[in-house]
């Protein structure tokens, strides 16, 4: 059984509070925006393959905050080295969720390697993630990883290869950077006397 991607992302971000979210290029950026645009979300408009590394940098810089990377299978396949680096760094506050429709959604829906049996959760496990799962039905365990479980954590969530309407985040990179920085620094500045 496969899930609907917007339902998955909507459920992951339900009552998100202070969760910091990095979204990969394309569909996952649209998915987090469809779930509700937030200052604590940073959708990547470019830099394919870099969402997990951005999440790692953020998790290391903000060790008291939970960080969730939501990316696609095509982007994760392009940035597999990120999993090894995350495994070495062992950020306890980081969860990477791959929305896996087994397609390259931005270039014409060609089949990705996951459609041919490449197991991203097994790769993450081999890279020393504390928890690495593949989910095809109930995503409660993915929420548990993202909000409560010591990481690094990884979940590949199998979704339908449906074509959905675009729900675009702001296209102004400076605006996205500034609002995200302010949201992250608000807690830091509040802690200082």
Protein backbone atom coordinates (compact mmCIF):
# COMPACT_ATOMS: atom_id res chain seq x y z
CA UNK A 1 0.00 0.00 0.00
CA UNK A 2 1.20 3.53 -0.75
CA UNK A 3 0.13 6.78 0.84
CA UNK A 4 -0.83 10.20 -0.52
CA UNK A 5 2.14 12.55 -0.16
CA UNK A 6 0.18 15.63 0.91
CA UNK A 7 -1.59 13.59 3.61
CA UNK A 8 1.77 12.33 4.88
CA UNK A 9 3.41 15.75 5.00
CA UNK A 10 0.29 17.36 6.47
CA UNK A 11 0.26 14.79 9.26
CA UNK A 12 4.00 15.19 9.88
CA UNK A 13 3.63 18.94 10.26
CA UNK A 14 0.39 18.89 12.26
CA UNK A 15 0.92 20.78 15.52
CA UNK A 16 4.59 21.25 14.62
CA UNK A 17 5.24 24.01 17.17
CA UNK A 18 8.97 24.87 17.05
CA UNK A 19 10.07 22.11 14.66
CA UNK A 20 12.53 23.45 12.07
CA UNK A 21 11.80 22.07 8.59
CA UNK A 22 14.04 21.97 5.54
CA UNK A 23 12.29 20.88 2.34
CA UNK A 24 14.04 19.56 -0.72
CA UNK A 25 13.71 20.86 -4.22
CA UNK A 26 10.33 20.77 -5.95
CA UNK A 27 7.47 18.59 -4.75
CA UNK A 28 8.48 18.41 -1.10
CA UNK A 29 8.74 22.21 -0.94
CA UNK A 30 5.21 22.39 -2.36
CA UNK A 31 4.05 19.73 0.11
CA UNK A 32 5.26 21.62 3.19
CA UNK A 33 3.67 24.80 1.84
CA UNK A 34 0.36 22.99 1.25
CA UNK A 35 0.53 21.91 4.90
CA UNK A 36 0.83 25.57 5.92
CA UNK A 37 3.56 28.06 5.13
CA UNK A 38 5.59 28.84 8.26
CA UNK A 39 8.54 30.98 9.23
CA UNK A 40 10.23 27.85 10.61
CA UNK A 41 10.17 26.21 7.15
CA UNK A 42 12.96 26.62 4.62
CA UNK A 43 12.01 25.31 1.18
CA UNK A 44 14.98 24.75 -1.12
CA UNK A 45 14.31 26.35 -4.49
CA UNK A 46 17.54 24.99 -5.93
CA UNK A 47 20.60 23.04 -4.81
CA UNK A 48 19.20 19.60 -5.64
CA UNK A 49 20.69 16.97 -3.37
CA UNK A 50 21.49 19.40 -0.56
CA UNK A 51 18.44 19.33 1.74
CA UNK A 52 19.91 16.67 4.05
CA UNK A 53 23.21 18.55 4.34
CA UNK A 54 21.38 21.79 5.09
CA UNK A 55 19.43 19.94 7.76
CA UNK A 56 22.66 18.56 9.22
CA UNK A 57 24.21 22.02 9.45
CA UNK A 58 21.08 23.37 11.10
CA UNK A 59 20.88 20.44 13.56
CA UNK A 60 24.50 20.95 14.58
CA UNK A 61 24.05 24.71 14.96
CA UNK A 62 20.78 24.35 16.90
CA UNK A 63 21.23 21.24 19.07
CA UNK A 64 18.29 22.14 21.34
CA UNK A 65 15.82 22.27 18.42
CA UNK A 66 14.29 19.35 16.50
CA UNK A 67 15.11 19.47 12.79
CA UNK A 68 13.15 17.66 10.09
CA UNK A 69 14.31 17.30 6.51
CA UNK A 70 11.54 16.43 4.05
CA UNK A 71 12.96 15.49 0.67
CA UNK A 72 12.25 13.26 -2.30
CA UNK A 73 13.80 9.99 -3.41
CA UNK A 74 15.41 11.55 -6.49
CA UNK A 75 17.09 14.25 -4.43
CA UNK A 76 18.20 11.78 -1.75
CA UNK A 77 19.69 9.50 -4.39
CA UNK A 78 21.65 12.47 -5.73
CA UNK A 79 22.97 13.28 -2.24
CA UNK A 80 23.65 9.82 -0.77
CA UNK A 81 26.94 11.03 0.65
CA UNK A 82 24.93 13.20 3.04
CA UNK A 83 23.73 10.06 4.81
CA UNK A 84 27.32 8.99 5.52
CA UNK A 85 28.22 12.45 6.83
CA UNK A 86 25.12 12.56 9.05
CA UNK A 87 26.01 9.09 10.33
CA UNK A 88 29.47 10.26 11.31
CA UNK A 89 28.22 13.46 12.96
CA UNK A 90 25.36 11.72 14.86
CA UNK A 91 23.05 14.72 15.43
CA UNK A 92 20.54 13.58 18.04
CA UNK A 93 17.95 16.16 16.91
CA UNK A 94 17.80 15.35 13.18
CA UNK A 95 15.27 13.28 11.24
CA UNK A 96 15.38 12.85 7.46
CA UNK A 97 12.10 11.83 5.80
CA UNK A 98 12.17 10.82 2.15
CA UNK A 99 8.85 11.07 0.33
CA UNK A 100 9.44 8.19 -2.09
CA UNK A 101 7.18 8.06 -5.13
CA UNK A 102 9.87 6.16 -7.07
CA UNK A 103 9.90 8.96 -9.65
CA UNK A 104 11.95 11.99 -10.68
CA UNK A 105 9.03 14.38 -10.37
CA UNK A 106 10.83 17.48 -11.64
CA UNK A 107 12.10 16.00 -14.90
CA UNK A 108 9.21 13.97 -16.29
CA UNK A 109 8.34 11.23 -13.78
CA UNK A 110 11.06 8.80 -14.88
CA UNK A 111 11.54 5.88 -12.48
CA UNK A 112 14.21 6.33 -9.81
CA UNK A 113 16.46 3.58 -8.47
CA UNK A 114 14.04 2.97 -5.61
CA UNK A 115 11.56 1.67 -8.21
CA UNK A 116 14.17 -1.00 -8.97
CA UNK A 117 14.68 -2.08 -5.36
CA UNK A 118 17.26 0.36 -3.95
CA UNK A 119 16.46 0.52 -0.23
CA UNK A 120 17.21 3.97 1.15
CA UNK A 121 16.44 2.93 4.74
CA UNK A 122 19.04 0.17 4.45
CA UNK A 123 21.56 2.73 3.17
CA UNK A 124 20.79 5.02 6.12
CA UNK A 125 21.11 2.11 8.52
CA UNK A 126 24.50 1.21 7.03
CA UNK A 127 25.49 4.86 7.54
CA UNK A 128 24.86 4.50 11.30
CA UNK A 129 21.49 6.23 11.63
CA UNK A 130 20.04 5.18 14.99
CA UNK A 131 16.65 4.44 13.43
CA UNK A 132 15.97 3.81 9.72
CA UNK A 133 12.59 2.58 8.51
CA UNK A 134 10.46 2.25 5.40
CA UNK A 135 6.78 3.09 5.86
CA UNK A 136 3.89 2.12 3.60
CA UNK A 137 0.87 2.72 5.82
CA UNK A 138 0.63 4.36 9.25
CA UNK A 139 2.99 7.30 9.68
CA UNK A 140 2.61 7.56 13.46
CA UNK A 141 6.07 6.02 13.82
CA UNK A 142 7.50 8.71 11.53
CA UNK A 143 6.00 11.44 13.74
CA UNK A 144 7.55 9.68 16.74
CA UNK A 145 10.97 9.81 15.06
CA UNK A 146 10.61 13.46 14.08
CA UNK A 147 9.33 14.79 17.39
CA UNK A 148 10.62 12.54 20.16
CA UNK A 149 13.20 9.91 19.20
CA UNK A 150 16.92 10.51 19.62
CA UNK A 151 18.54 10.50 16.20
CA UNK A 152 19.79 10.66 13.68
CA UNK A 153 16.62 9.15 12.27
CA UNK A 154 15.56 8.23 8.75
CA UNK A 155 12.24 7.24 7.21
CA UNK A 156 11.46 6.43 3.59
CA UNK A 157 7.71 6.89 3.13
CA UNK A 158 6.30 5.16 0.06
CA UNK A 159 3.72 7.38 -1.66
CA UNK A 160 1.69 7.25 -4.85
CA UNK A 161 3.23 8.80 -7.96
CA UNK A 162 0.34 11.23 -8.33
CA UNK A 163 0.61 14.61 -10.02
CA UNK A 164 -0.69 17.31 -7.67
CA UNK A 165 -1.43 21.01 -8.06
CA UNK A 166 1.45 23.27 -7.18
CA UNK A 167 1.30 25.10 -3.86
CA UNK A 168 4.33 27.32 -4.18
CA UNK A 169 6.20 28.81 -1.25
CA UNK A 170 7.40 32.40 -1.58
CA UNK A 171 9.86 32.64 -4.46
CA UNK A 172 11.92 35.40 -2.87
CA UNK A 173 15.10 33.75 -1.57
CA UNK A 174 16.04 36.74 0.60
CA UNK A 175 12.60 36.72 2.24
CA UNK A 176 12.83 32.99 2.93
CA UNK A 177 16.32 33.31 4.39
CA UNK A 178 15.49 36.33 6.54
CA UNK A 179 12.25 34.97 8.00
CA UNK A 180 13.82 31.58 8.72
CA UNK A 181 16.85 33.19 10.36
CA UNK A 182 14.60 35.38 12.53
CA UNK A 183 12.50 32.36 13.56
CA UNK A 184 15.62 30.37 14.51
CA UNK A 185 17.33 33.26 16.27
CA UNK A 186 14.20 34.30 18.21
CA UNK A 187 14.75 31.41 20.65
CA UNK A 188 18.49 32.07 20.87
CA UNK A 189 17.98 35.76 21.62
CA UNK A 190 15.24 34.98 24.15
CA UNK A 191 17.73 32.85 26.16
CA UNK A 192 20.28 35.68 26.52
CA UNK A 193 20.00 37.98 29.56
